[in-house]
């Protein structure tokens, strides 16, 4: 079974991160692509621009954001293929650029992918 973890892309890479996937729609500021050490960039699993703008990383709106983001993921036709691809790795680290390590879309995505990888496998 795949273990999903999250890490801020600005943090130093750790050896145990496994397959590294950037899950932001936009490339993080100040990070050179050559230095990112990514295995994949999954823009298509990030929140829509409209949802991201609506939320604006407001911690007070995180529950509503989570609900709306999960609905977007449920409707994402590319997600089954992405889950299958990521689930082929024992350890996947989802990289994000947000400042808050507990209130960001990667937290929601990690939980969502874990549930769907278990269901698929």
PDB file of N, CA and C in Angstrom:
ATOM      1  N   UNK A   1       0.834  -1.184   0.000  1.00  0.00           N
ATOM      2  CA  UNK A   1       0.000   0.000   0.000  1.00  0.00           C
ATOM      3  C   UNK A   1       0.880   1.248   0.000  1.00  0.00           C
ATOM      4  N   UNK A   2       0.468   2.236  -0.731  1.00  0.00           N
ATOM      5  CA  UNK A   2       1.212   3.488  -0.838  1.00  0.00           C
ATOM      6  C   UNK A   2       1.021   4.335   0.407  1.00  0.00           C
ATOM      7  N   UNK A   3       2.113   4.874   0.881  1.00  0.00           N
ATOM      8  CA  UNK A   3       2.071   5.825   1.982  1.00  0.00           C
ATOM      9  C   UNK A   3       2.234   7.217   1.394  1.00  0.00           C
ATOM     10  N   UNK A   4       1.268   8.093   1.666  1.00  0.00           N
ATOM     11  CA  UNK A   4       1.334   9.469   1.193  1.00  0.00           C
ATOM     12  C   UNK A   4       1.770  10.372   2.336  1.00  0.00           C
ATOM     13  N   UNK A   5       2.707  11.257   2.047  1.00  0.00           N
ATOM     14  CA  UNK A   5       3.166  12.255   3.004  1.00  0.00           C
ATOM     15  C   UNK A   5       3.144  13.600   2.301  1.00  0.00           C
ATOM     16  N   UNK A   6       3.225  14.653   3.077  1.00  0.00           N
ATOM     17  CA  UNK A   6       3.301  15.987   2.477  1.00  0.00           C
ATOM     18  C   UNK A   6       4.539  16.702   2.990  1.00  0.00           C
ATOM     19  N   UNK A   7       5.037  17.601   2.179  1.00  0.00           N
ATOM     20  CA  UNK A   7       6.202  18.388   2.569  1.00  0.00           C
ATOM     21  C   UNK A   7       6.184  19.692   1.789  1.00  0.00           C
ATOM     22  N   UNK A   8       6.648  20.720   2.431  1.00  0.00           N
ATOM     23  CA  UNK A   8       6.752  22.014   1.762  1.00  0.00           C
ATOM     24  C   UNK A   8       7.937  21.964   0.804  1.00  0.00           C
ATOM     25  N   UNK A   9       7.757  22.404  -0.418  1.00  0.00           N
ATOM     26  CA  UNK A   9       8.799  22.305  -1.426  1.00  0.00           C
ATOM     27  C   UNK A   9      10.037  23.119  -1.059  1.00  0.00           C
ATOM     28  N   UNK A  10       9.880  24.084  -0.178  1.00  0.00           N
ATOM     29  CA  UNK A  10      10.999  24.927   0.234  1.00  0.00           C
ATOM     30  C   UNK A  10      11.883  24.254   1.281  1.00  0.00           C
ATOM     31  N   UNK A  11      11.441  23.137   1.841  1.00  0.00           N
ATOM     32  CA  UNK A  11      12.229  22.415   2.831  1.00  0.00           C
ATOM     33  C   UNK A  11      13.285  21.566   2.131  1.00  0.00           C
ATOM     34  N   UNK A  12      14.347  21.272   2.842  1.00  0.00           N
ATOM     35  CA  UNK A  12      15.401  20.418   2.296  1.00  0.00           C
ATOM     36  C   UNK A  12      14.855  19.019   2.043  1.00  0.00           C
ATOM     37  N   UNK A  13      15.321  18.424   0.983  1.00  0.00           N
ATOM     38  CA  UNK A  13      14.873  17.076   0.644  1.00  0.00           C
ATOM     39  C   UNK A  13      15.414  16.072   1.656  1.00  0.00           C
ATOM     40  N   UNK A  14      14.544  15.153   2.065  1.00  0.00           N
ATOM     41  CA  UNK A  14      14.942  14.073   2.971  1.00  0.00           C
ATOM     42  C   UNK A  14      15.046  12.782   2.160  1.00  0.00           C
ATOM     43  N   UNK A  15      15.924  11.903   2.562  1.00  0.00           N
ATOM     44  CA  UNK A  15      16.164  10.662   1.828  1.00  0.00           C
ATOM     45  C   UNK A  15      14.927   9.774   1.723  1.00  0.00           C
ATOM     46  N   UNK A  16      14.078   9.772   2.734  1.00  0.00           N
ATOM     47  CA  UNK A  16      12.941   8.855   2.779  1.00  0.00           C
ATOM     48  C   UNK A  16      11.697   9.378   2.073  1.00  0.00           C
ATOM     49  N   UNK A  17      11.826  10.411   1.266  1.00  0.00           N
ATOM     50  CA  UNK A  17      10.635  10.990   0.639  1.00  0.00           C
ATOM     51  C   UNK A  17      10.067  10.155  -0.494  1.00  0.00           C
ATOM     52  N   UNK A  18      10.832   9.260  -1.048  1.00  0.00           N
ATOM     53  CA  UNK A  18      10.327   8.427  -2.125  1.00  0.00           C
ATOM     54  C   UNK A  18      10.037   9.236  -3.384  1.00  0.00           C
ATOM     55  N   UNK A  19       8.908   8.940  -4.002  1.00  0.00           N
ATOM     56  CA  UNK A  19       8.484   9.584  -5.241  1.00  0.00           C
ATOM     57  C   UNK A  19       7.951  10.976  -4.908  1.00  0.00           C
ATOM     58  N   UNK A  20       8.572  12.007  -5.486  1.00  0.00           N
ATOM     59  CA  UNK A  20       8.238  13.401  -5.144  1.00  0.00           C
ATOM     60  C   UNK A  20       7.355  14.024  -6.224  1.00  0.00           C
ATOM     61  N   UNK A  21       6.188  14.529  -5.778  1.00  0.00           N
ATOM     62  CA  UNK A  21       5.202  15.063  -6.714  1.00  0.00           C
ATOM     63  C   UNK A  21       4.775  16.462  -6.270  1.00  0.00           C
ATOM     64  N   UNK A  22       4.985  17.440  -7.123  1.00  0.00           N
ATOM     65  CA  UNK A  22       4.476  18.784  -6.864  1.00  0.00           C
ATOM     66  C   UNK A  22       2.993  18.787  -7.193  1.00  0.00           C
ATOM     67  N   UNK A  23       2.173  19.252  -6.240  1.00  0.00           N
ATOM     68  CA  UNK A  23       0.717  19.222  -6.424  1.00  0.00           C
ATOM     69  C   UNK A  23       0.114  20.625  -6.454  1.00  0.00           C
ATOM     70  N   UNK A  24       0.915  21.618  -6.784  1.00  0.00           N
ATOM     71  CA  UNK A  24       0.440  22.993  -6.963  1.00  0.00           C
ATOM     72  C   UNK A  24       0.190  23.242  -8.444  1.00  0.00           C
ATOM     73  N   UNK A  25      -0.794  24.052  -8.735  1.00  0.00           N
ATOM     74  CA  UNK A  25      -1.092  24.406 -10.122  1.00  0.00           C
ATOM     75  C   UNK A  25      -0.041  25.368 -10.686  1.00  0.00           C
ATOM     76  N   UNK A  26       0.461  26.237  -9.810  1.00  0.00           N
ATOM     77  CA  UNK A  26       1.471  27.213 -10.207  1.00  0.00           C
ATOM     78  C   UNK A  26       2.831  26.796  -9.660  1.00  0.00           C
ATOM     79  N   UNK A  27       3.874  27.083 -10.420  1.00  0.00           N
ATOM     80  CA  UNK A  27       5.219  26.767  -9.950  1.00  0.00           C
ATOM     81  C   UNK A  27       5.560  27.675  -8.764  1.00  0.00           C
ATOM     82  N   UNK A  28       6.122  27.111  -7.688  1.00  0.00           N
ATOM     83  CA  UNK A  28       6.432  27.908  -6.499  1.00  0.00           C
ATOM     84  C   UNK A  28       7.523  28.951  -6.760  1.00  0.00           C
ATOM     85  N   UNK A  29       7.305  30.141  -6.241  1.00  0.00           N
ATOM     86  CA  UNK A  29       8.269  31.231  -6.419  1.00  0.00           C
ATOM     87  C   UNK A  29       9.597  30.889  -5.771  1.00  0.00           C
ATOM     88  N   UNK A  30      10.655  31.258  -6.458  1.00  0.00           N
ATOM     89  CA  UNK A  30      11.991  31.117  -5.902  1.00  0.00           C
ATOM     90  C   UNK A  30      12.565  29.715  -5.958  1.00  0.00           C
ATOM     91  N   UNK A  31      11.863  28.780  -6.560  1.00  0.00           N
ATOM     92  CA  UNK A  31      12.359  27.406  -6.670  1.00  0.00           C
ATOM     93  C   UNK A  31      12.758  27.161  -8.120  1.00  0.00           C
ATOM     94  N   UNK A  32      14.013  26.848  -8.310  1.00  0.00           N
ATOM     95  CA  UNK A  32      14.472  26.522  -9.667  1.00  0.00           C
ATOM     96  C   UNK A  32      14.053  25.101 -10.008  1.00  0.00           C
ATOM     97  N   UNK A  33      13.576  24.908 -11.210  1.00  0.00           N
ATOM     98  CA  UNK A  33      13.129  23.568 -11.619  1.00  0.00           C
ATOM     99  C   UNK A  33      14.250  22.548 -11.490  1.00  0.00           C
ATOM    100  N   UNK A  34      15.456  22.958 -11.784  1.00  0.00           N
ATOM    101  CA  UNK A  34      16.592  22.044 -11.690  1.00  0.00           C
ATOM    102  C   UNK A  34      16.867  21.623 -10.245  1.00  0.00           C
ATOM    103  N   UNK A  35      16.500  22.463  -9.286  1.00  0.00           N
ATOM    104  CA  UNK A  35      16.761  22.168  -7.881  1.00  0.00           C
ATOM    105  C   UNK A  35      15.593  21.462  -7.180  1.00  0.00           C
ATOM    106  N   UNK A  36      14.463  21.359  -7.822  1.00  0.00           N
ATOM    107  CA  UNK A  36      13.267  20.830  -7.166  1.00  0.00           C
ATOM    108  C   UNK A  36      13.321  19.318  -6.941  1.00  0.00           C
ATOM    109  N   UNK A  37      14.095  18.608  -7.717  1.00  0.00           N
ATOM    110  CA  UNK A  37      14.231  17.149  -7.593  1.00  0.00           C
ATOM    111  C   UNK A  37      12.866  16.460  -7.612  1.00  0.00           C
ATOM    112  N   UNK A  38      12.055  16.832  -8.595  1.00  0.00           N
ATOM    113  CA  UNK A  38      10.719  16.251  -8.727  1.00  0.00           C
ATOM    114  C   UNK A  38      10.747  15.003  -9.589  1.00  0.00           C
ATOM    115  N   UNK A  39       9.834  14.109  -9.276  1.00  0.00           N
ATOM    116  CA  UNK A  39       9.591  12.983 -10.161  1.00  0.00           C
ATOM    117  C   UNK A  39       8.412  13.275 -11.078  1.00  0.00           C
ATOM    118  N   UNK A  40       7.520  14.164 -10.606  1.00  0.00           N
ATOM    119  CA  UNK A  40       6.312  14.470 -11.383  1.00  0.00           C
ATOM    120  C   UNK A  40       5.710  15.776 -10.880  1.00  0.00           C
ATOM    121  N   UNK A  41       5.036  16.467 -11.782  1.00  0.00           N
ATOM    122  CA  UNK A  41       4.276  17.667 -11.424  1.00  0.00           C
ATOM    123  C   UNK A  41       2.832  17.402 -11.819  1.00  0.00           C
ATOM    124  N   UNK A  42       1.960  17.255 -10.844  1.00  0.00           N
ATOM    125  CA  UNK A  42       0.539  16.961 -11.073  1.00  0.00           C
ATOM    126  C   UNK A  42      -0.284  18.227 -10.874  1.00  0.00           C
ATOM    127  N   UNK A  43      -0.291  19.086 -11.854  1.00  0.00           N
ATOM    128  CA  UNK A  43      -1.089  20.318 -11.787  1.00  0.00           C
ATOM    129  C   UNK A  43      -2.579  20.003 -11.698  1.00  0.00           C
ATOM    130  N   UNK A  44      -2.966  18.894 -12.311  1.00  0.00           N
ATOM    131  CA  UNK A  44      -4.386  18.583 -12.451  1.00  0.00           C
ATOM    132  C   UNK A  44      -5.073  18.147 -11.163  1.00  0.00           C
ATOM    133  N   UNK A  45      -4.309  17.939 -10.093  1.00  0.00           N
ATOM    134  CA  UNK A  45      -4.942  17.583  -8.821  1.00  0.00           C
ATOM    135  C   UNK A  45      -5.029  18.785  -7.877  1.00  0.00           C
ATOM    136  N   UNK A  46      -4.501  19.909  -8.297  1.00  0.00           N
ATOM    137  CA  UNK A  46      -4.556  21.123  -7.479  1.00  0.00           C
ATOM    138  C   UNK A  46      -5.960  21.721  -7.536  1.00  0.00           C
ATOM    139  N   UNK A  47      -6.309  22.509  -6.531  1.00  0.00           N
ATOM    140  CA  UNK A  47      -7.612  23.189  -6.587  1.00  0.00           C
ATOM    141  C   UNK A  47      -7.708  24.090  -7.815  1.00  0.00           C
ATOM    142  N   UNK A  48      -8.903  24.246  -8.325  1.00  0.00           N
ATOM    143  CA  UNK A  48      -9.118  25.123  -9.474  1.00  0.00           C
ATOM    144  C   UNK A  48      -8.702  26.551  -9.116  1.00  0.00           C
ATOM    145  N   UNK A  49      -8.343  27.349 -10.111  1.00  0.00           N
ATOM    146  CA  UNK A  49      -8.011  28.748  -9.824  1.00  0.00           C
ATOM    147  C   UNK A  49      -9.153  29.477  -9.099  1.00  0.00           C
ATOM    148  N   UNK A  50     -10.380  29.166  -9.461  1.00  0.00           N
ATOM    149  CA  UNK A  50     -11.530  29.819  -8.824  1.00  0.00           C
ATOM    150  C   UNK A  50     -11.624  29.447  -7.341  1.00  0.00           C
ATOM    151  N   UNK A  51     -11.430  28.171  -7.039  1.00  0.00           N
ATOM    152  CA  UNK A  51     -11.496  27.731  -5.646  1.00  0.00           C
ATOM    153  C   UNK A  51     -10.332  28.297  -4.844  1.00  0.00           C
ATOM    154  N   UNK A  52      -9.159  28.288  -5.421  1.00  0.00           N
ATOM    155  CA  UNK A  52      -7.985  28.828  -4.737  1.00  0.00           C
ATOM    156  C   UNK A  52      -8.166  30.314  -4.424  1.00  0.00           C
ATOM    157  N   UNK A  53      -8.701  31.056  -5.391  1.00  0.00           N
ATOM    158  CA  UNK A  53      -8.947  32.487  -5.190  1.00  0.00           C
ATOM    159  C   UNK A  53     -10.018  32.703  -4.129  1.00  0.00           C
ATOM    160  N   UNK A  54     -11.098  31.923  -4.179  1.00  0.00           N
ATOM    161  CA  UNK A  54     -12.158  32.050  -3.179  1.00  0.00           C
ATOM    162  C   UNK A  54     -11.609  31.807  -1.778  1.00  0.00           C
ATOM    163  N   UNK A  55     -10.831  30.748  -1.611  1.00  0.00           N
ATOM    164  CA  UNK A  55     -10.339  30.362  -0.294  1.00  0.00           C
ATOM    165  C   UNK A  55      -9.290  31.329   0.244  1.00  0.00           C
ATOM    166  N   UNK A  56      -8.308  31.674  -0.596  1.00  0.00           N
ATOM    167  CA  UNK A  56      -7.244  32.608  -0.230  1.00  0.00           C
ATOM    168  C   UNK A  56      -6.512  32.179   1.050  1.00  0.00           C
ATOM    169  N   UNK A  57      -6.406  30.874   1.282  1.00  0.00           N
ATOM    170  CA  UNK A  57      -5.700  30.295   2.437  1.00  0.00           C
ATOM    171  C   UNK A  57      -6.211  30.818   3.783  1.00  0.00           C
ATOM    172  N   UNK A  58      -7.506  31.107   3.854  1.00  0.00           N
ATOM    173  CA  UNK A  58      -8.124  31.584   5.087  1.00  0.00           C
ATOM    174  C   UNK A  58      -8.407  30.386   5.996  1.00  0.00           C
ATOM    175  N   UNK A  59      -7.720  30.280   7.134  1.00  0.00           N
ATOM    176  CA  UNK A  59      -7.932  29.138   8.030  1.00  0.00           C
ATOM    177  C   UNK A  59      -9.391  28.992   8.488  1.00  0.00           C
ATOM    178  N   UNK A  60     -10.101  30.087   8.603  1.00  0.00           N
ATOM    179  CA  UNK A  60     -11.495  30.027   9.032  1.00  0.00           C
ATOM    180  C   UNK A  60     -12.408  29.392   7.984  1.00  0.00           C
ATOM    181  N   UNK A  61     -11.954  29.346   6.741  1.00  0.00           N
ATOM    182  CA  UNK A  61     -12.743  28.766   5.654  1.00  0.00           C
ATOM    183  C   UNK A  61     -12.250  27.381   5.254  1.00  0.00           C
ATOM    184  N   UNK A  62     -11.337  26.815   6.033  1.00  0.00           N
ATOM    185  CA  UNK A  62     -10.710  25.558   5.637  1.00  0.00           C
ATOM    186  C   UNK A  62     -11.714  24.412   5.516  1.00  0.00           C
ATOM    187  N   UNK A  63     -12.674  24.321   6.418  1.00  0.00           N
ATOM    188  CA  UNK A  63     -13.662  23.241   6.333  1.00  0.00           C
ATOM    189  C   UNK A  63     -14.484  23.338   5.047  1.00  0.00           C
ATOM    190  N   UNK A  64     -14.924  24.535   4.714  1.00  0.00           N
ATOM    191  CA  UNK A  64     -15.687  24.726   3.471  1.00  0.00           C
ATOM    192  C   UNK A  64     -14.798  24.485   2.258  1.00  0.00           C
ATOM    193  N   UNK A  65     -13.554  24.960   2.320  1.00  0.00           N
ATOM    194  CA  UNK A  65     -12.599  24.701   1.230  1.00  0.00           C
ATOM    195  C   UNK A  65     -12.432  23.194   1.046  1.00  0.00           C
ATOM    196  N   UNK A  66     -12.262  22.473   2.141  1.00  0.00           N
ATOM    197  CA  UNK A  66     -12.067  21.019   2.076  1.00  0.00           C
ATOM    198  C   UNK A  66     -13.237  20.353   1.369  1.00  0.00           C
ATOM    199  N   UNK A  67     -14.442  20.744   1.726  1.00  0.00           N
ATOM    200  CA  UNK A  67     -15.632  20.179   1.101  1.00  0.00           C
ATOM    201  C   UNK A  67     -15.667  20.474  -0.400  1.00  0.00           C
ATOM    202  N   UNK A  68     -15.406  21.718  -0.762  1.00  0.00           N
ATOM    203  CA  UNK A  68     -15.421  22.104  -2.184  1.00  0.00           C
ATOM    204  C   UNK A  68     -14.293  21.430  -2.964  1.00  0.00           C
ATOM    205  N   UNK A  69     -13.127  21.324  -2.345  1.00  0.00           N
ATOM    206  CA  UNK A  69     -11.983  20.706  -3.021  1.00  0.00           C
ATOM    207  C   UNK A  69     -12.235  19.213  -3.239  1.00  0.00           C
ATOM    208  N   UNK A  70     -12.779  18.544  -2.249  1.00  0.00           N
ATOM    209  CA  UNK A  70     -13.103  17.125  -2.413  1.00  0.00           C
ATOM    210  C   UNK A  70     -14.123  16.927  -3.535  1.00  0.00           C
ATOM    211  N   UNK A  71     -15.070  17.847  -3.648  1.00  0.00           N
ATOM    212  CA  UNK A  71     -16.054  17.764  -4.738  1.00  0.00           C
ATOM    213  C   UNK A  71     -15.348  17.910  -6.084  1.00  0.00           C
ATOM    214  N   UNK A  72     -14.385  18.830  -6.154  1.00  0.00           N
ATOM    215  CA  UNK A  72     -13.615  18.963  -7.399  1.00  0.00           C
ATOM    216  C   UNK A  72     -12.848  17.680  -7.703  1.00  0.00           C
ATOM    217  N   UNK A  73     -12.251  17.086  -6.688  1.00  0.00           N
ATOM    218  CA  UNK A  73     -11.508  15.849  -6.893  1.00  0.00           C
ATOM    219  C   UNK A  73     -12.438  14.727  -7.343  1.00  0.00           C
ATOM    220  N   UNK A  74     -13.622  14.657  -6.755  1.00  0.00           N
ATOM    221  CA  UNK A  74     -14.610  13.644  -7.159  1.00  0.00           C
ATOM    222  C   UNK A  74     -14.973  13.777  -8.636  1.00  0.00           C
ATOM    223  N   UNK A  75     -14.993  15.003  -9.139  1.00  0.00           N
ATOM    224  CA  UNK A  75     -15.380  15.260 -10.529  1.00  0.00           C
ATOM    225  C   UNK A  75     -14.194  15.236 -11.496  1.00  0.00           C
ATOM    226  N   UNK A  76     -12.988  15.058 -10.984  1.00  0.00           N
ATOM    227  CA  UNK A  76     -11.777  15.095 -11.809  1.00  0.00           C
ATOM    228  C   UNK A  76     -11.636  13.782 -12.581  1.00  0.00           C
ATOM    229  N   UNK A  77     -11.853  13.830 -13.881  1.00  0.00           N
ATOM    230  CA  UNK A  77     -11.813  12.620 -14.704  1.00  0.00           C
ATOM    231  C   UNK A  77     -10.416  12.030 -14.830  1.00  0.00           C
ATOM    232  N   UNK A  78      -9.402  12.804 -14.544  1.00  0.00           N
ATOM    233  CA  UNK A  78      -8.023  12.318 -14.637  1.00  0.00           C
ATOM    234  C   UNK A  78      -7.562  11.631 -13.355  1.00  0.00           C
ATOM    235  N   UNK A  79      -8.324  11.781 -12.294  1.00  0.00           N
ATOM    236  CA  UNK A  79      -7.882  11.290 -10.994  1.00  0.00           C
ATOM    237  C   UNK A  79      -7.672   9.777 -10.928  1.00  0.00           C
ATOM    238  N   UNK A  80      -8.543   8.938 -11.487  1.00  0.00           N
ATOM    239  CA  UNK A  80      -8.287   7.492 -11.393  1.00  0.00           C
ATOM    240  C   UNK A  80      -6.929   7.091 -11.977  1.00  0.00           C
ATOM    241  N   UNK A  81      -6.561   7.686 -13.094  1.00  0.00           N
ATOM    242  CA  UNK A  81      -5.260   7.375 -13.701  1.00  0.00           C
ATOM    243  C   UNK A  81      -4.122   7.888 -12.823  1.00  0.00           C
ATOM    244  N   UNK A  82      -4.299   9.056 -12.222  1.00  0.00           N
ATOM    245  CA  UNK A  82      -3.273   9.625 -11.339  1.00  0.00           C
ATOM    246  C   UNK A  82      -3.125   8.763 -10.086  1.00  0.00           C
ATOM    247  N   UNK A  83      -4.235   8.344  -9.495  1.00  0.00           N
ATOM    248  CA  UNK A  83      -4.193   7.479  -8.309  1.00  0.00           C
ATOM    249  C   UNK A  83      -3.478   6.172  -8.650  1.00  0.00           C
ATOM    250  N   UNK A  84      -3.798   5.581  -9.787  1.00  0.00           N
ATOM    251  CA  UNK A  84      -3.155   4.333 -10.190  1.00  0.00           C
ATOM    252  C   UNK A  84      -1.647   4.530 -10.364  1.00  0.00           C
ATOM    253  N   UNK A  85      -1.264   5.619 -10.989  1.00  0.00           N
ATOM    254  CA  UNK A  85       0.163   5.897 -11.220  1.00  0.00           C
ATOM    255  C   UNK A  85       0.903   6.117  -9.899  1.00  0.00           C
ATOM    256  N   UNK A  86       0.344   6.951  -9.047  1.00  0.00           N
ATOM    257  CA  UNK A  86       1.008   7.228  -7.775  1.00  0.00           C
ATOM    258  C   UNK A  86       1.015   6.014  -6.861  1.00  0.00           C
ATOM    259  N   UNK A  87      -0.033   5.226  -6.925  1.00  0.00           N
ATOM    260  CA  UNK A  87      -0.134   4.041  -6.067  1.00  0.00           C
ATOM    261  C   UNK A  87       0.851   2.946  -6.452  1.00  0.00           C
ATOM    262  N   UNK A  88       1.523   3.110  -7.556  1.00  0.00           N
ATOM    263  CA  UNK A  88       2.533   2.123  -7.942  1.00  0.00           C
ATOM    264  C   UNK A  88       3.846   2.336  -7.189  1.00  0.00           C
ATOM    265  N   UNK A  89       3.914   3.381  -6.379  1.00  0.00           N
ATOM    266  CA  UNK A  89       5.108   3.684  -5.589  1.00  0.00           C
ATOM    267  C   UNK A  89       4.797   3.439  -4.108  1.00  0.00           C
ATOM    268  N   UNK A  90       5.742   2.877  -3.364  1.00  0.00           N
ATOM    269  CA  UNK A  90       5.473   2.609  -1.951  1.00  0.00           C
ATOM    270  C   UNK A  90       5.362   3.865  -1.090  1.00  0.00           C
ATOM    271  N   UNK A  91       6.085   4.900  -1.452  1.00  0.00           N
ATOM    272  CA  UNK A  91       6.054   6.136  -0.676  1.00  0.00           C
ATOM    273  C   UNK A  91       6.021   7.322  -1.631  1.00  0.00           C
ATOM    274  N   UNK A  92       5.017   8.179  -1.463  1.00  0.00           N
ATOM    275  CA  UNK A  92       4.855   9.360  -2.310  1.00  0.00           C
ATOM    276  C   UNK A  92       4.807  10.583  -1.403  1.00  0.00           C
ATOM    277  N   UNK A  93       5.628  11.579  -1.721  1.00  0.00           N
ATOM    278  CA  UNK A  93       5.586  12.842  -1.000  1.00  0.00           C
ATOM    279  C   UNK A  93       4.954  13.888  -1.888  1.00  0.00           C
ATOM    280  N   UNK A  94       3.852  14.461  -1.409  1.00  0.00           N
ATOM    281  CA  UNK A  94       3.150  15.522  -2.119  1.00  0.00           C
ATOM    282  C   UNK A  94       3.765  16.848  -1.687  1.00  0.00           C
ATOM    283  N   UNK A  95       4.306  17.574  -2.627  1.00  0.00           N
ATOM    284  CA  UNK A  95       4.980  18.838  -2.345  1.00  0.00           C
ATOM    285  C   UNK A  95       4.065  20.005  -2.647  1.00  0.00           C
ATOM    286  N   UNK A  96       4.088  20.991  -1.768  1.00  0.00           N
ATOM    287  CA  UNK A  96       3.233  22.172  -1.909  1.00  0.00           C
ATOM    288  C   UNK A  96       4.041  23.401  -1.533  1.00  0.00           C
ATOM    289  N   UNK A  97       3.555  24.571  -1.916  1.00  0.00           N
ATOM    290  CA  UNK A  97       4.261  25.810  -1.642  1.00  0.00           C
ATOM    291  C   UNK A  97       3.671  26.652  -0.523  1.00  0.00           C
ATOM    292  N   UNK A  98       2.475  26.338  -0.056  1.00  0.00           N
ATOM    293  CA  UNK A  98       1.808  27.143   0.970  1.00  0.00           C
ATOM    294  C   UNK A  98       2.649  27.218   2.244  1.00  0.00           C
ATOM    295  N   UNK A  99       2.454  28.291   2.990  1.00  0.00           N
ATOM    296  CA  UNK A  99       3.242  28.507   4.211  1.00  0.00           C
ATOM    297  C   UNK A  99       2.776  27.660   5.385  1.00  0.00           C
ATOM    298  N   UNK A 100       1.473  27.459   5.517  1.00  0.00           N
ATOM    299  CA  UNK A 100       0.926  26.752   6.670  1.00  0.00           C
ATOM    300  C   UNK A 100       0.975  25.239   6.433  1.00  0.00           C
ATOM    301  N   UNK A 101       1.686  24.485   7.293  1.00  0.00           N
ATOM    302  CA  UNK A 101       1.806  23.039   7.080  1.00  0.00           C
ATOM    303  C   UNK A 101       0.546  22.244   7.420  1.00  0.00           C
ATOM    304  N   UNK A 102      -0.423  22.880   8.066  1.00  0.00           N
ATOM    305  CA  UNK A 102      -1.641  22.166   8.461  1.00  0.00           C
ATOM    306  C   UNK A 102      -2.888  22.628   7.725  1.00  0.00           C
ATOM    307  N   UNK A 103      -2.841  23.823   7.168  1.00  0.00           N
ATOM    308  CA  UNK A 103      -3.989  24.379   6.459  1.00  0.00           C
ATOM    309  C   UNK A 103      -3.558  24.652   5.019  1.00  0.00           C
ATOM    310  N   UNK A 104      -3.634  23.593   4.210  1.00  0.00           N
ATOM    311  CA  UNK A 104      -3.281  23.713   2.796  1.00  0.00           C
ATOM    312  C   UNK A 104      -3.930  22.561   2.041  1.00  0.00           C
ATOM    313  N   UNK A 105      -3.971  22.685   0.744  1.00  0.00           N
ATOM    314  CA  UNK A 105      -4.670  21.685  -0.059  1.00  0.00           C
ATOM    315  C   UNK A 105      -3.975  20.326  -0.054  1.00  0.00           C
ATOM    316  N   UNK A 106      -2.666  20.280   0.178  1.00  0.00           N
ATOM    317  CA  UNK A 106      -1.955  19.000   0.182  1.00  0.00           C
ATOM    318  C   UNK A 106      -2.422  18.105   1.329  1.00  0.00           C
ATOM    319  N   UNK A 107      -2.827  18.700   2.450  1.00  0.00           N
ATOM    320  CA  UNK A 107      -3.374  17.932   3.576  1.00  0.00           C
ATOM    321  C   UNK A 107      -4.637  17.203   3.117  1.00  0.00           C
ATOM    322  N   UNK A 108      -5.511  17.926   2.467  1.00  0.00           N
ATOM    323  CA  UNK A 108      -6.766  17.354   1.973  1.00  0.00           C
ATOM    324  C   UNK A 108      -6.483  16.305   0.895  1.00  0.00           C
ATOM    325  N   UNK A 109      -5.594  16.630  -0.012  1.00  0.00           N
ATOM    326  CA  UNK A 109      -5.274  15.721  -1.114  1.00  0.00           C
ATOM    327  C   UNK A 109      -4.653  14.427  -0.612  1.00  0.00           C
ATOM    328  N   UNK A 110      -3.774  14.515   0.360  1.00  0.00           N
ATOM    329  CA  UNK A 110      -3.143  13.322   0.919  1.00  0.00           C
ATOM    330  C   UNK A 110      -4.187  12.376   1.511  1.00  0.00           C
ATOM    331  N   UNK A 111      -5.126  12.926   2.274  1.00  0.00           N
ATOM    332  CA  UNK A 111      -6.196  12.110   2.853  1.00  0.00           C
ATOM    333  C   UNK A 111      -7.068  11.494   1.755  1.00  0.00           C
ATOM    334  N   UNK A 112      -7.375  12.303   0.754  1.00  0.00           N
ATOM    335  CA  UNK A 112      -8.218  11.855  -0.350  1.00  0.00           C
ATOM    336  C   UNK A 112      -7.525  10.724  -1.130  1.00  0.00           C
ATOM    337  N   UNK A 113      -6.255  10.919  -1.465  1.00  0.00           N
ATOM    338  CA  UNK A 113      -5.513   9.911  -2.229  1.00  0.00           C
ATOM    339  C   UNK A 113      -5.345   8.626  -1.430  1.00  0.00           C
ATOM    340  N   UNK A 114      -5.100   8.751  -0.137  1.00  0.00           N
ATOM    341  CA  UNK A 114      -4.965   7.570   0.710  1.00  0.00           C
ATOM    342  C   UNK A 114      -6.249   6.750   0.665  1.00  0.00           C
ATOM    343  N   UNK A 115      -7.373   7.401   0.827  1.00  0.00           N
ATOM    344  CA  UNK A 115      -8.668   6.697   0.784  1.00  0.00           C
ATOM    345  C   UNK A 115      -8.910   6.046  -0.566  1.00  0.00           C
ATOM    346  N   UNK A 116      -8.575   6.752  -1.654  1.00  0.00           N
ATOM    347  CA  UNK A 116      -8.839   6.225  -2.987  1.00  0.00           C
ATOM    348  C   UNK A 116      -7.818   5.164  -3.407  1.00  0.00           C
ATOM    349  N   UNK A 117      -6.603   5.266  -2.911  1.00  0.00           N
ATOM    350  CA  UNK A 117      -5.610   4.234  -3.213  1.00  0.00           C
ATOM    351  C   UNK A 117      -5.983   2.921  -2.531  1.00  0.00           C
ATOM    352  N   UNK A 118      -6.504   3.026  -1.307  1.00  0.00           N
ATOM    353  CA  UNK A 118      -6.969   1.826  -0.597  1.00  0.00           C
ATOM    354  C   UNK A 118      -8.149   1.214  -1.335  1.00  0.00           C
ATOM    355  N   UNK A 119      -9.080   2.054  -1.780  1.00  0.00           N
ATOM    356  CA  UNK A 119     -10.252   1.567  -2.497  1.00  0.00           C
ATOM    357  C   UNK A 119      -9.873   0.921  -3.831  1.00  0.00           C
ATOM    358  N   UNK A 120      -8.847   1.509  -4.485  1.00  0.00           N
ATOM    359  CA  UNK A 120      -8.425   0.980  -5.793  1.00  0.00           C
ATOM    360  C   UNK A 120      -7.598  -0.281  -5.661  1.00  0.00           C
ATOM    361  N   UNK A 121      -6.923  -0.422  -4.531  1.00  0.00           N
ATOM    362  CA  UNK A 121      -6.004  -1.550  -4.384  1.00  0.00           C
ATOM    363  C   UNK A 121      -6.581  -2.621  -3.567  1.00  0.00           C
TER     364      UNK A 121
END
